[in-house]
Each structure stands twice: as C-alpha cells, then as structure tokens.
Protein backbone atom coordinates (compact mmCIF):
# COMPACT_ATOMS: atom_id res chain seq x y z
CA GLY A 1 37.90 -54.67 86.46
CA ARG A 2 39.27 -52.67 89.38
CA GLY A 3 42.47 -51.97 87.41
CA VAL A 4 40.48 -50.62 84.47
CA THR A 5 38.36 -48.46 86.79
CA ARG A 6 41.47 -47.03 88.46
CA MET A 7 42.98 -46.20 85.05
CA GLN A 8 39.76 -44.44 84.00
CA VAL A 9 39.77 -42.36 87.20
CA VAL A 10 43.43 -41.42 86.66
CA GLU A 11 42.68 -40.38 83.05
CA GLU A 12 39.69 -38.28 84.15
CA ASP A 13 41.75 -36.59 86.88
CA TYR A 14 44.49 -35.89 84.33
CA GLU A 15 41.99 -34.32 81.89
CA VAL A 16 40.42 -32.17 84.64
CA LYS A 17 43.88 -30.99 85.72
CA GLN A 18 44.72 -30.13 82.10
CA VAL A 19 41.56 -28.00 81.77
CA ARG A 20 42.32 -26.16 85.02
CA ASP A 21 45.96 -25.62 84.10
CA MET A 22 44.99 -24.29 80.67
CA ALA A 23 42.50 -21.82 82.15
CA ALA A 24 45.12 -20.50 84.57
CA ALA A 25 47.74 -20.32 81.80
CA ARG A 26 45.44 -18.30 79.53
CA LYS A 27 45.03 -15.69 82.26
CA ARG A 28 48.80 -15.37 82.64
CA TRP A 29 49.32 -15.12 78.87
CA GLU A 30 46.62 -12.49 78.48
CA ALA A 31 48.31 -10.46 81.24
CA LEU A 32 51.67 -10.63 79.40
CA VAL A 33 50.07 -9.19 76.27
CA ARG A 34 47.88 -6.67 78.12
CA GLU A 35 50.83 -5.31 80.09
CA GLY A 36 52.96 -4.99 76.95
CA LYS A 37 55.56 -7.52 78.09
CA VAL A 38 54.92 -9.41 74.86
CA LYS A 39 54.16 -7.35 71.73
CA VAL A 40 51.54 -8.50 69.25
CA LEU A 41 52.12 -8.87 65.51
CA THR A 42 49.88 -10.08 62.71
CA PRO A 43 51.48 -12.54 60.26
CA LYS A 44 51.80 -9.70 57.73
CA GLU A 45 53.53 -7.46 60.30
CA ALA A 46 55.82 -10.34 61.23
CA GLY A 47 56.79 -10.65 57.56
CA TYR A 48 57.65 -6.95 57.39
CA ALA A 49 59.65 -7.17 60.63
CA ILE A 50 61.70 -10.08 59.30
CA GLN A 51 62.40 -8.39 55.97
CA LEU A 52 63.00 -4.82 57.13
CA SER A 53 64.39 -5.23 60.66
CA ASN A 54 66.11 -8.63 60.40
CA LYS A 55 64.20 -9.92 63.42
CA THR A 56 64.42 -13.67 64.08
CA LEU A 57 61.34 -15.85 63.76
CA LEU A 58 61.34 -18.66 66.32
CA ASP A 59 59.08 -21.50 65.17
CA VAL A 60 57.91 -23.51 68.22
CA ARG A 61 55.56 -25.91 66.39
CA PRO A 62 55.89 -29.71 66.62
CA SER A 63 57.73 -31.53 63.84
CA ILE A 64 54.55 -32.77 62.09
CA GLU A 65 53.56 -29.16 61.38
CA ARG A 66 57.03 -27.78 60.73
CA GLU A 67 57.84 -30.36 58.04
CA LYS A 68 54.81 -29.29 55.97
CA ALA A 69 55.55 -25.56 55.83
CA TRP A 70 58.01 -23.17 57.43
CA VAL A 71 59.16 -19.57 57.15
CA LYS A 72 62.38 -19.26 55.18
CA GLY A 73 65.32 -18.58 57.48
CA SER A 74 63.33 -19.29 60.67
CA THR A 75 64.74 -21.16 63.65
CA TRP A 76 62.89 -24.28 64.77
CA ILE A 77 62.88 -25.18 68.46
CA PRO A 78 59.61 -26.91 69.42
CA ILE A 79 58.05 -26.25 72.80
CA PHE A 80 56.03 -29.45 72.39
CA ASP A 81 56.81 -32.32 70.05
CA VAL A 82 55.41 -35.75 69.22
CA ASP A 83 55.71 -38.00 72.28
CA GLY A 84 57.70 -41.07 71.28
CA SER A 85 57.82 -42.69 74.74
CA LEU A 86 56.09 -46.04 75.27
CA ASP A 87 55.39 -46.09 79.01
CA ALA A 88 51.95 -47.19 80.23
CA GLY A 89 50.70 -43.67 80.97
CA THR A 90 51.71 -42.31 77.57
CA LEU A 91 50.27 -45.30 75.72
CA SER A 92 47.00 -44.85 77.60
CA ARG A 93 46.86 -41.16 76.61
CA LYS A 94 47.69 -42.02 73.01
CA ILE A 95 44.91 -44.60 72.81
CA THR A 96 42.44 -42.24 74.50
CA GLY A 97 43.42 -39.36 72.20
CA PHE A 98 43.07 -41.55 69.11
CA MET A 99 39.65 -42.88 70.17
CA MET A 100 38.44 -39.39 71.15
CA GLY A 101 39.02 -37.96 67.69
CA GLY A 102 42.71 -38.29 66.90
CA TRP A 103 41.87 -40.71 64.07
CA TRP A 104 39.78 -37.92 62.49
CA SER A 105 41.92 -34.84 63.21
CA GLY A 106 45.35 -36.49 63.06
CA VAL A 107 46.46 -34.68 66.22
CA PRO A 108 49.16 -36.82 67.93
CA THR A 109 50.08 -36.99 71.61
CA LEU A 110 52.58 -34.22 72.34
CA ALA A 111 55.12 -33.92 75.14
CA PHE A 112 56.79 -30.81 76.54
CA ASN A 113 60.32 -30.30 75.23
CA LYS A 114 62.42 -30.04 78.39
CA GLU A 115 65.34 -28.68 76.37
CA PHE A 116 63.31 -25.84 74.82
CA LEU A 117 64.69 -23.00 76.97
CA SER A 118 68.28 -24.27 77.05
CA LYS A 119 68.34 -24.59 73.25
CA VAL A 120 67.03 -21.04 72.81
CA GLU A 121 69.58 -19.73 75.32
CA GLU A 122 72.38 -21.54 73.47
CA LYS A 123 71.45 -19.82 70.23
CA TYR A 124 70.23 -16.33 71.24
CA PRO A 125 71.31 -13.81 73.91
CA LYS A 126 68.65 -12.29 76.14
CA ASP A 127 68.51 -8.97 74.23
CA THR A 128 67.59 -10.62 70.89
CA ASP A 129 64.39 -9.52 69.16
CA LEU A 130 62.45 -12.78 68.88
CA ILE A 131 59.24 -13.22 66.89
CA VAL A 132 57.62 -16.35 68.33
CA ALA A 133 55.13 -18.29 66.22
CA CYS A 134 53.22 -21.56 66.23
CA GLN A 135 50.33 -22.85 64.11
CA LYS A 136 47.34 -21.29 65.92
CA GLY A 137 48.92 -18.93 68.47
CA LEU A 138 48.53 -20.75 71.80
CA ARG A 139 51.76 -22.73 72.08
CA SER A 140 53.73 -19.65 71.04
CA LEU A 141 52.18 -17.71 73.93
CA ALA A 142 53.28 -20.49 76.29
CA ALA A 143 56.77 -20.18 74.80
CA CYS A 144 56.73 -16.39 75.29
CA GLU A 145 55.90 -16.84 78.97
CA ILE A 146 58.84 -19.22 79.46
CA LEU A 147 61.20 -16.92 77.58
CA TYR A 148 60.03 -13.77 79.39
CA ASN A 149 60.47 -15.44 82.78
CA ALA A 150 63.99 -16.45 81.69
CA GLY A 151 64.92 -12.82 80.95
CA TYR A 152 63.97 -12.31 77.28
CA GLU A 153 62.15 -8.99 77.04
CA ASN A 154 62.11 -8.25 73.29
CA LEU A 155 59.40 -10.75 72.47
CA PHE A 156 56.86 -10.51 69.65
CA TRP A 157 53.93 -12.92 69.41
CA VAL A 158 52.31 -13.80 66.07
CA GLN A 159 48.60 -13.53 66.84
CA GLN A 160 46.48 -16.45 65.59
CA GLY A 161 49.63 -18.17 64.42
CA LEU A 162 50.97 -19.08 61.00
CA GLU A 163 47.59 -20.53 60.09
CA ALA A 164 46.31 -16.95 59.74
CA ALA A 165 49.05 -16.06 57.25
CA GLU A 166 48.31 -15.43 53.59
CA GLU A 167 50.86 -16.64 51.07
CA GLU A 168 52.17 -13.13 50.48
CA ASP A 169 52.65 -12.38 54.20
CA LEU A 170 55.69 -14.56 54.85
CA GLU A 171 58.28 -16.22 52.64
CA ARG A 172 57.31 -19.89 52.84
CA GLU A 173 59.21 -23.08 52.21
CA GLY A 174 57.77 -26.61 52.28
CA PRO A 175 55.21 -28.66 50.34
CA GLN A 176 52.02 -27.12 51.76
CA SER A 177 50.59 -23.72 52.63
CA PHE A 178 50.74 -22.46 56.22
CA LYS A 179 46.96 -22.80 56.47
CA LEU A 180 47.12 -26.55 55.79
CA ALA A 181 50.15 -27.38 57.95
CA GLY A 182 48.10 -28.01 61.10
CA ILE A 183 45.56 -30.48 59.72
CA GLY A 184 45.76 -34.25 59.41
CA GLY A 185 43.99 -37.55 59.87
CA LEU A 186 40.97 -38.74 57.93
CA SER A 187 39.48 -35.24 57.83
CA GLU A 188 42.50 -34.00 55.84
CA PHE A 189 42.38 -37.02 53.52
CA LEU A 190 38.73 -36.35 52.69
CA GLY A 191 39.12 -32.57 52.52
CA TRP A 192 36.61 -31.99 55.33
CA THR A 193 38.46 -29.30 57.25
CA ASP A 194 37.62 -25.59 57.35
CA GLN A 195 41.01 -24.78 55.82
CA GLN A 196 40.46 -27.12 52.87
CA ARG A 197 36.91 -25.87 52.29
CA ALA A 198 38.27 -22.33 52.13
CA ALA A 199 40.93 -23.46 49.66
CA ALA A 200 38.29 -25.27 47.58
CA ALA A 201 36.26 -22.06 47.33
CA LYS A 202 39.31 -20.37 45.76
CA GLU A 203 40.62 -23.25 43.65
CA GLY A 204 37.30 -24.37 42.15
CA TRP A 205 36.00 -27.75 41.01
CA GLY A 206 39.37 -29.29 40.19
CA TYR A 207 40.38 -29.13 43.85
CA ARG A 208 37.03 -30.57 45.00
CA LEU A 209 37.13 -33.45 42.53
CA VAL A 210 40.31 -34.79 44.15
CA PHE A 211 38.57 -35.23 47.49
CA THR A 212 35.36 -36.50 45.89
CA ALA A 213 37.43 -39.22 44.22
CA ARG A 214 39.03 -40.07 47.58
CA LEU A 215 35.62 -40.34 49.25
CA LEU A 216 34.34 -42.65 46.50
CA GLY A 217 37.51 -44.71 46.80
CA LEU A 218 36.98 -45.02 50.56
CA PHE A 219 33.40 -46.21 50.07
CA LEU A 220 34.50 -48.74 47.42
CA ALA A 221 37.29 -50.03 49.69
CA ALA A 222 34.87 -50.38 52.62
CA ASP A 223 32.35 -52.17 50.39
CA ALA A 224 35.06 -54.53 49.10
CA LEU A 225 36.15 -55.33 52.66
CA PHE A 226 32.55 -56.00 53.69
CA LEU A 227 31.97 -58.35 50.73
CA GLY A 228 35.30 -60.05 51.39
CA ALA A 229 34.40 -60.59 55.05
CA GLN A 230 31.07 -62.09 53.98
CA GLN A 231 32.79 -64.49 51.57
CA VAL A 232 35.25 -65.58 54.28
CA GLY A 233 32.30 -66.11 56.64
CA HIS A 234 30.51 -68.30 54.09
CA TYR A 235 33.73 -70.25 53.45
CA LEU A 236 34.27 -70.91 57.17
CA GLN A 237 30.64 -71.99 57.52
CA ASP A 238 31.04 -74.47 54.67
CA LEU A 239 34.19 -75.86 56.29
CA ARG A 240 32.35 -76.40 59.60
CA SER A 241 29.36 -78.06 57.89
CA HIS A 242 31.69 -80.58 56.23
C-alpha cells in the first residue's frame, strides 16, 4: 500500500512539473515569435515558400503522425517520438496515459529525441532557411527554440501545424489527409473526432455510413461477448452443481 501511494505521489509531482514547464515554455515561445526571431507562416504560405523559394520543410512530428501523411520532399527529424523503453517509470506513465484517455484518443507516450539537434546539424548548416512544422504547432515551436538557441536564425514556424492545411496548400504524400494524421484510438475508429465530423460534412452520407456500421459492429461484438460470458458462467455453475 505504501509503495502504491509513493508511486501516485511521484506521478502527481511529475504531472504538476509538466504543467509548470509547459507554461514557462509557452512564454519563451511567444517571445521568440513576438520578437521576430521565428517568422510565422500559414500552411498555404509554407506551400508557396517551398515551391517558389526552395525552402526546406522540417517535419518534427512523431512517427505515428508522419507515416499517415507528409509533405512531399520534406525532411523528417522528430523532436519527440513514441517511447519504446520499458522501465518502471515509463510503464507507469504509459498505463496512466492509457487509463486517462489514451484508449480513446490514441495518443501514445512520447519521449524527447536526444539526437534531434545533432541530426539537424548533420544535415543543414546554420544559415539554412528552415520551415518547421508539426501536427498542431506546439512541438514545432519547441523545435524552433532549440534550433534558434543552437544558432539557426532563418526559422519559419507553421502556425497551427499541418492539421490546419487544406489539401491544396501543400503537396501531400501518404494514405490520409493532414487533418486526420493526428487522430487515433477508439474515437478515430468510430469517427467521433472534430476532424472526421468536418470531413463528414463535406463527404456526405457515404462517409457517415462507414462509421455508423462500425458503431453497430462494436455494439454487436459487445453484446456477443456479454452473452458468451453468461453462457460460460452458466456452464461453470452446472459443473460445480454436479
């Protein structure tokens, strides 16, 4: 019992520290943009800059988002990626994240990529024009801060991330649209995300019927499991009575 209590306290302290660190980081990032150290681009402007000025797009998203959709010709160096370690602390965070909504959103436990800066430096000199993008715009700002502090001064941040891009804004490769690359879990399976609802409004009933069929299938599967569990219970009871 004491061990469990200690673990809960450690997890709470970790979460509080994360909130404080994020608040402080946001202030630093806002200052970078406000002072013009990082220039702001919309996804459409980023597309123009890539086509007309041959600027490089640096994709810093984790692999689970990158593999669904990416900008043609972009460079992928994640600032955070899926944490594959199995130590006690990581497993605890994974379980907590899953129980706190990861099963619904599909968001995995991510770990900072310690080789992020060295890999960028290997590929690009400090005077390179870099357009930095992630899915929603926050991780790319964190990447811009690291790069600016390392001496990169020609940095362009894609505001609101690739999720804000329309299909005509950037040349896309991959099986899904940019807007759907950041969703997952049961909410994606059932089509209950804001991005999918927006897509359904454009696509019409055919798109909605797919997710309606999935929902019905889920209910039928749950019902079958319930009935099966009941039958097993009755069978075990009969065995005990004999």
